[in-house]
Amino acid sequence: MEQHELLKFVCSLLDRLKVAYMVTGSQATIAYGEPRFTNDIDIVVDLTMASIGEFCDGFPEDDFYLSRPAAIEAVSQRSMFNVIHPSSGLKIDVIIPAATPYDRLRLARAQRVQVTDDFNALFTTPEDIILKKLDWHRMGGGDRHLRDIAGILKIRRDRLDFEYLIQHVNRMGLSELWHALQARVQGN
């Protein structure tokens, strides 16, 4: 199974189950910025105790490794769990969103992105990827997040909602980091 096939598999399942989701992380960075290698799929999924069973049932045991107890715990703790496709070595990080107003807003703002000719999926917006990557960098996530943001700014600068960005940069206490990144990007 190729990465885009696994992405299509999980997103199609979520669409069928009518569970809110958004592709995030490296896949979204690649969709909005510059290509880079990644071996996993990060997806925010608004799973509940009522929907977790059907979600887990969607991954046949012969093809996937999925710990139901870990999935149930992740839903109850609003954390994450993994789905692994052993024959390809690919992994899905299933992230249960926090019950914060910003996380609800991010999920509501998700937009359809054409992944292949016959498949589209809901992706987090480029503005929300920038905000989350700034936050991850601030928490010690490394310069990779800043490089990803620089790639998005390079490719999509004229299509970004800077009003939204600045509002949330200020709200999240990311102003200093945002201004430093802006200076760095404009210097290149």
Protein backbone atom coordinates (compact mmCIF):
# COMPACT_ATOMS: atom_id res chain seq x y z
CA MET A 1 0.00 0.00 0.00
CA GLU A 2 1.30 3.45 -0.93
CA GLN A 3 0.92 6.44 1.38
CA HIS A 4 -1.76 8.12 -0.75
CA GLU A 5 -3.73 4.84 -0.78
CA LEU A 6 -3.62 4.64 3.01
CA LEU A 7 -4.70 8.27 3.25
CA LYS A 8 -7.60 7.55 0.90
CA PHE A 9 -8.51 4.45 2.92
CA VAL A 10 -8.74 6.24 6.28
CA CYS A 11 -10.42 9.40 4.92
CA SER A 12 -12.98 7.38 2.97
CA LEU A 13 -13.78 5.43 6.14
CA LEU A 14 -14.26 8.65 8.10
CA ASP A 15 -16.43 10.16 5.37
CA ARG A 16 -18.60 7.00 5.35
CA LEU A 17 -18.91 7.12 9.16
CA LYS A 18 -19.66 10.87 9.01
CA VAL A 19 -16.95 11.57 11.61
CA ALA A 20 -15.35 15.02 11.51
CA TYR A 21 -11.64 14.89 10.68
CA MET A 22 -8.80 16.83 9.13
CA VAL A 23 -5.48 15.73 7.72
CA THR A 24 -2.71 17.67 9.41
CA GLY A 25 1.03 17.45 10.05
CA SER A 26 3.40 16.59 7.22
CA GLN A 27 0.67 15.66 4.74
CA ALA A 28 -0.94 19.10 5.09
CA THR A 29 2.44 20.82 5.01
CA ILE A 30 3.22 19.06 1.73
CA ALA A 31 -0.21 19.97 0.31
CA TYR A 32 0.30 23.67 1.06
CA GLY A 33 4.07 24.06 0.98
CA GLU A 34 7.13 22.29 -0.29
CA PRO A 35 7.51 18.52 -0.66
CA ARG A 36 9.42 16.53 1.94
CA PHE A 37 9.64 12.90 3.00
CA THR A 38 7.28 11.55 5.64
CA ASN A 39 6.41 8.01 6.62
CA ASP A 40 3.24 8.71 8.55
CA ILE A 41 -0.15 10.30 8.29
CA ASP A 42 -1.32 12.67 11.03
CA ILE A 43 -5.06 13.07 11.20
CA VAL A 44 -7.21 14.83 13.77
CA VAL A 45 -10.37 12.78 14.23
CA ASP A 46 -13.33 13.77 16.39
CA LEU A 47 -14.01 10.22 17.58
CA THR A 48 -16.38 9.57 20.46
CA MET A 49 -17.09 6.48 22.52
CA ALA A 50 -20.11 5.97 20.27
CA SER A 51 -18.04 6.01 17.05
CA ILE A 52 -14.77 4.34 18.12
CA GLY A 53 -16.04 0.78 17.60
CA GLU A 54 -17.09 1.33 13.99
CA PHE A 55 -13.83 3.17 13.32
CA CYS A 56 -11.74 0.28 14.68
CA ASP A 57 -13.87 -2.24 12.75
CA GLY A 58 -12.89 -0.40 9.54
CA PHE A 59 -9.30 -1.69 9.82
CA PRO A 60 -9.21 -5.44 9.09
CA GLU A 61 -6.92 -7.31 11.50
CA ASP A 62 -5.24 -9.17 8.61
CA ASP A 63 -3.99 -5.88 7.17
CA PHE A 64 -3.65 -3.49 10.11
CA TYR A 65 -2.48 -3.35 13.70
CA LEU A 66 -4.79 -1.32 15.93
CA SER A 67 -5.05 -1.59 19.70
CA ARG A 68 -8.71 -1.10 20.64
CA PRO A 69 -7.85 -0.44 24.30
CA ALA A 70 -5.36 2.26 23.22
CA ALA A 71 -7.97 3.79 20.91
CA ILE A 72 -10.61 3.82 23.66
CA GLU A 73 -8.14 5.34 26.12
CA ALA A 74 -7.16 8.02 23.57
CA VAL A 75 -10.81 8.99 23.08
CA SER A 76 -11.42 9.19 26.82
CA GLN A 77 -8.16 11.12 27.46
CA ARG A 78 -8.40 13.29 24.30
CA SER A 79 -4.94 12.09 23.22
CA MET A 80 -3.74 9.95 20.30
CA PHE A 81 -3.26 6.39 19.12
CA ASN A 82 -1.73 4.67 16.10
CA VAL A 83 -2.94 2.48 13.28
CA ILE A 84 -0.11 0.57 11.61
CA HIS A 85 -0.05 -1.07 8.20
CA PRO A 86 2.75 -3.61 8.82
CA SER A 87 3.31 -4.76 5.23
CA SER A 88 4.13 -1.20 4.09
CA GLY A 89 5.56 0.14 7.35
CA LEU A 90 3.17 3.09 7.17
CA LYS A 91 1.53 4.53 10.25
CA ILE A 92 -1.49 6.71 10.95
CA ASP A 93 -1.32 8.93 14.03
CA VAL A 94 -4.96 9.42 15.05
CA ILE A 95 -5.17 12.58 17.17
CA ILE A 96 -8.30 13.19 19.20
CA PRO A 97 -8.78 16.98 19.40
CA ALA A 98 -8.85 18.75 22.73
CA ALA A 99 -12.24 20.18 23.64
CA THR A 100 -11.02 23.77 23.30
CA PRO A 101 -12.71 26.51 21.29
CA TYR A 102 -9.62 26.75 19.03
CA ASP A 103 -9.59 23.02 18.28
CA ARG A 104 -13.32 23.10 17.47
CA LEU A 105 -12.69 26.10 15.20
CA ARG A 106 -9.79 24.35 13.42
CA LEU A 107 -11.97 21.32 12.75
CA ALA A 108 -14.84 23.48 11.48
CA ARG A 109 -12.46 25.36 9.14
CA ALA A 110 -11.08 22.19 7.50
CA GLN A 111 -11.19 22.36 3.71
CA ARG A 112 -11.33 19.81 0.90
CA VAL A 113 -8.03 19.30 -0.92
CA GLN A 114 -7.66 17.29 -4.12
CA VAL A 115 -5.09 14.60 -3.29
CA THR A 116 -5.28 12.55 -6.51
CA ASP A 117 -7.49 12.77 -9.58
CA ASP A 118 -10.12 10.55 -7.96
CA PHE A 119 -9.78 11.49 -4.30
CA ASN A 120 -10.11 14.54 -2.06
CA ALA A 121 -10.02 14.83 1.71
CA LEU A 122 -10.51 17.37 4.47
CA PHE A 123 -7.27 19.10 5.43
CA THR A 124 -6.54 21.61 8.13
CA THR A 125 -6.17 25.09 6.64
CA PRO A 126 -2.69 26.45 5.90
CA GLU A 127 -3.22 29.15 8.52
CA ASP A 128 -3.97 26.56 11.19
CA ILE A 129 -0.96 24.46 10.15
CA ILE A 130 1.21 27.56 10.59
CA LEU A 131 -0.27 28.26 14.03
CA LYS A 132 0.13 24.69 15.25
CA LYS A 133 3.69 24.43 13.91
CA LEU A 134 4.61 27.70 15.63
CA ASP A 135 3.19 26.28 18.85
CA TRP A 136 5.01 22.93 18.41
CA HIS A 137 8.27 24.80 17.76
CA ARG A 138 7.75 26.87 20.90
CA MET A 139 7.28 23.65 22.89
CA GLY A 140 10.66 22.37 21.67
CA GLY A 141 9.64 20.73 18.41
CA GLY A 142 12.73 21.82 16.49
CA ASP A 143 13.46 23.87 13.40
CA ARG A 144 11.69 21.44 11.02
CA HIS A 145 8.43 23.16 11.94
CA LEU A 146 9.87 26.56 11.03
CA ARG A 147 11.12 25.18 7.69
CA ASP A 148 7.63 23.81 7.01
CA ILE A 149 6.08 27.21 7.79
CA ALA A 150 8.62 28.95 5.55
CA GLY A 151 7.65 26.58 2.72
CA ILE A 152 3.96 27.38 3.15
CA LEU A 153 4.68 31.11 3.24
CA LYS A 154 6.81 30.82 0.10
CA ILE A 155 4.13 28.95 -1.87
CA ARG A 156 0.88 30.42 -0.48
CA ARG A 157 1.69 33.86 0.97
CA ASP A 158 -0.72 35.68 -1.35
CA ARG A 159 -3.58 33.29 -0.46
CA LEU A 160 -3.28 33.26 3.34
CA ASP A 161 -5.76 34.89 5.68
CA PHE A 162 -3.30 37.09 7.59
CA GLU A 163 -6.07 38.67 9.67
CA TYR A 164 -6.97 35.24 11.06
CA LEU A 165 -3.29 34.35 11.49
CA ILE A 166 -2.40 37.51 13.42
CA GLN A 167 -5.52 37.25 15.60
CA HIS A 168 -4.59 33.73 16.69
CA VAL A 169 -0.83 34.40 16.89
CA ASN A 170 -1.67 37.08 19.46
CA ARG A 171 -4.23 34.91 21.26
CA MET A 172 -1.81 31.99 21.51
CA GLY A 173 1.13 34.10 22.69
CA LEU A 174 3.16 33.41 19.54
CA SER A 175 3.79 37.03 18.43
CA GLU A 176 7.51 37.12 19.14
CA LEU A 177 8.15 33.83 17.34
CA TRP A 178 5.91 34.86 14.42
CA HIS A 179 7.76 38.16 13.94
CA ALA A 180 11.15 36.44 14.12
CA LEU A 181 10.02 33.92 11.51
CA GLN A 182 8.68 36.71 9.25
CA ALA A 183 12.06 38.47 9.42
CA ARG A 184 13.86 35.22 8.65
CA VAL A 185 11.64 34.40 5.66
CA GLN A 186 11.86 37.91 4.21
CA GLY A 187 15.66 37.79 4.56
CA ASN A 188 15.88 34.80 2.18
